[in-house]
Amino acid sequence: MSGTLNKVMLIGHLGDEVKMHYFEGGGCIGRFPIATNETYTNKQTGERVTNTDWHNIVVRNKAAEICEKYLSKGDKVYVEGRLKNRQWQGEDGNTRYSTEIHVQDFTFLTTKKESMSNQQSGGQQPQQNAVTNTSNSVQSTPLSNSEQEDDLPF
């Protein structure tokens, strides 16, 4: 294979509100953190351990405005994009590095309010809607139970 691939897919919860930056030419960028969790049981102690990883998300232009309007801290979201590395000089003169996910596609999964009501009711309520961004268009699609509970053969 002669090509390369730079693709990231994450499902996680927003750790903060979307921070917008506007430019003179009319463009804008939205930035927000997403938390993903890994949970396992420690074999020695039998204790449940949860590790959280934080990811810096960058969304541009119309997609950024949509995220700012509809997303808030605690909401669950699917993002798909590319890894980008940045470096800059800090105020102390040291070189700093950051890895970001530049979003190409996203889907709003649940709001914080919906997540909390599902936890309180034992998770019995089906997911109502998912808002999807595909080529900068927004759609609202109801999900059937078969789409929520995938029986994949692997």
Protein backbone atom coordinates (compact mmCIF):
# COMPACT_ATOMS: atom_id res chain seq x y z
CA MET A 1 0.00 0.00 0.00
CA SER A 2 1.55 3.28 -1.05
CA GLY A 3 -0.93 5.75 0.54
CA THR A 4 -1.20 7.04 4.06
CA LEU A 5 -4.15 7.55 6.39
CA ASN A 6 -4.75 10.10 9.13
CA LYS A 7 -8.21 9.45 10.58
CA VAL A 8 -9.58 9.73 14.10
CA MET A 9 -13.04 8.72 15.35
CA LEU A 10 -14.08 9.60 18.90
CA ILE A 11 -17.24 9.34 20.99
CA GLY A 12 -17.04 11.32 24.19
CA HIS A 13 -18.46 14.04 26.39
CA LEU A 14 -17.71 17.76 26.08
CA GLY A 15 -15.54 18.97 28.93
CA ASP A 16 -16.35 22.65 28.37
CA GLU A 17 -18.42 24.99 26.22
CA VAL A 18 -17.39 25.62 22.59
CA LYS A 19 -14.97 28.58 22.46
CA MET A 20 -15.31 30.57 19.22
CA HIS A 21 -12.65 32.67 17.47
CA TYR A 22 -13.70 34.90 14.56
CA PHE A 23 -11.40 36.19 11.81
CA GLU A 24 -11.48 39.34 9.67
CA GLY A 25 -12.30 37.45 6.47
CA GLY A 26 -15.52 36.06 7.98
CA GLY A 27 -14.20 32.63 8.92
CA CYS A 28 -14.28 31.19 12.41
CA ILE A 29 -12.92 28.33 14.51
CA GLY A 30 -14.55 26.56 17.43
CA ARG A 31 -12.48 24.71 20.03
CA PHE A 32 -13.61 22.38 22.80
CA PRO A 33 -12.28 19.40 24.78
CA ILE A 34 -13.80 15.91 24.62
CA ALA A 35 -13.29 13.28 27.32
CA THR A 36 -13.17 9.58 26.46
CA ASN A 37 -13.09 6.88 29.15
CA GLU A 38 -11.59 3.42 29.45
CA THR A 39 -12.97 1.26 32.25
CA TYR A 40 -11.58 -2.07 33.39
CA THR A 41 -11.38 -4.25 36.51
CA ASN A 42 -8.02 -4.53 38.28
CA LYS A 43 -7.30 -8.27 38.51
CA GLN A 44 -5.35 -7.96 41.78
CA THR A 45 -7.85 -5.85 43.74
CA GLY A 46 -11.11 -6.47 41.85
CA GLU A 47 -11.59 -2.70 41.81
CA ARG A 48 -13.14 -0.90 38.82
CA VAL A 49 -10.65 1.55 37.31
CA THR A 50 -11.60 4.35 34.93
CA ASN A 51 -8.99 6.24 32.90
CA THR A 52 -10.02 9.45 31.16
CA ASP A 53 -8.25 10.87 28.11
CA TRP A 54 -8.80 14.47 26.97
CA HIS A 55 -8.77 15.45 23.29
CA ASN A 56 -8.56 18.97 21.83
CA ILE A 57 -11.21 19.38 19.12
CA VAL A 58 -11.12 22.05 16.37
CA VAL A 59 -14.13 22.78 14.14
CA ARG A 60 -14.20 25.39 11.35
CA ASN A 61 -16.66 27.87 9.86
CA LYS A 62 -20.34 26.79 9.59
CA ALA A 63 -19.71 23.54 11.47
CA ALA A 64 -18.19 25.58 14.34
CA GLU A 65 -21.26 27.82 14.49
CA ILE A 66 -23.53 24.75 14.60
CA CYS A 67 -21.47 23.24 17.44
CA GLU A 68 -21.56 26.50 19.38
CA LYS A 69 -25.33 26.73 19.00
CA TYR A 70 -26.26 23.14 19.90
CA LEU A 71 -23.46 21.71 22.08
CA SER A 72 -22.82 22.38 25.74
CA LYS A 73 -20.65 20.94 28.49
CA GLY A 74 -21.51 17.30 29.22
CA ASP A 75 -23.14 16.55 25.85
CA LYS A 76 -22.14 13.30 24.12
CA VAL A 77 -20.82 13.71 20.58
CA TYR A 78 -19.20 11.66 17.81
CA VAL A 79 -16.41 13.42 15.92
CA GLU A 80 -14.39 12.25 12.95
CA GLY A 81 -11.36 14.04 11.64
CA ARG A 82 -7.57 14.27 11.28
CA LEU A 83 -4.78 14.58 13.83
CA LYS A 84 -2.78 17.82 13.59
CA ASN A 85 0.24 18.77 15.69
CA ARG A 86 1.04 22.38 16.58
CA GLN A 87 4.02 23.99 18.27
CA TRP A 88 4.47 27.50 19.62
CA GLN A 89 6.60 29.54 22.00
CA GLY A 90 5.14 29.91 25.50
CA GLU A 91 5.38 33.12 27.51
CA ASP A 92 8.29 31.57 29.40
CA GLY A 93 10.20 31.04 26.13
CA ASN A 94 9.76 27.25 26.10
CA THR A 95 8.49 25.47 23.01
CA ARG A 96 5.03 23.99 23.58
CA TYR A 97 3.32 21.23 21.63
CA SER A 98 -0.33 20.33 21.17
CA THR A 99 -2.16 17.58 19.30
CA GLU A 100 -5.63 18.47 17.98
CA ILE A 101 -8.40 16.68 16.11
CA HIS A 102 -9.52 18.81 13.14
CA VAL A 103 -13.12 17.73 12.61
CA GLN A 104 -14.41 16.72 9.18
CA ASP A 105 -17.71 15.17 10.33
CA PHE A 106 -19.68 15.03 13.58
CA THR A 107 -22.91 13.75 15.09
CA PHE A 108 -24.63 15.05 18.22
CA LEU A 109 -25.57 11.95 20.22
CA THR A 110 -27.21 13.08 23.47
CA THR A 111 -27.45 16.18 25.56
CA LYS A 112 -26.27 16.20 29.18
CA LYS A 113 -29.93 16.42 30.23
CA GLU A 114 -30.85 13.31 28.18
CA SER A 115 -27.84 11.40 29.53
CA MET A 116 -28.79 12.16 33.13
CA SER A 117 -32.45 11.15 32.61
CA ASN A 118 -31.33 7.87 30.95
CA GLN A 119 -29.05 7.08 33.92
CA GLN A 120 -31.83 7.81 36.43
CA SER A 121 -34.34 5.62 34.57
CA GLY A 122 -31.84 2.78 34.15
CA GLY A 123 -31.08 3.56 30.53
CA GLN A 124 -34.45 2.27 29.31
CA GLN A 125 -35.36 5.29 27.18
CA PRO A 126 -34.38 4.94 23.53
CA GLN A 127 -32.29 7.65 21.98
CA GLN A 128 -34.58 10.19 20.32
CA ASN A 129 -32.52 12.04 17.71
CA ALA A 130 -29.08 12.40 16.30
CA VAL A 131 -28.02 15.55 14.50
CA THR A 132 -25.47 14.81 11.80
CA ASN A 133 -23.15 17.11 9.91
CA THR A 134 -22.26 15.77 6.50
CA SER A 135 -20.64 18.22 4.10
CA ASN A 136 -21.80 21.13 6.28
CA SER A 137 -25.50 20.17 6.17
CA VAL A 138 -27.46 19.37 9.32
CA GLN A 139 -30.02 16.60 9.49
CA SER A 140 -32.18 15.22 12.30
CA THR A 141 -32.79 11.48 12.08
CA PRO A 142 -34.72 9.22 14.47
CA LEU A 143 -32.86 6.05 15.39
CA SER A 144 -34.60 2.68 15.46
CA ASN A 145 -33.83 0.10 18.15
CA SER A 146 -31.98 -2.03 15.58
CA GLU A 147 -29.59 0.87 14.90
CA GLN A 148 -28.99 1.41 18.62
CA GLU A 149 -28.33 -2.23 19.46
CA ASP A 150 -25.94 -3.48 16.79
CA ASP A 151 -25.48 -7.25 16.61
CA LEU A 152 -22.16 -7.25 14.81
CA PRO A 153 -20.67 -10.69 14.05
CA PHE A 154 -17.23 -9.67 15.28
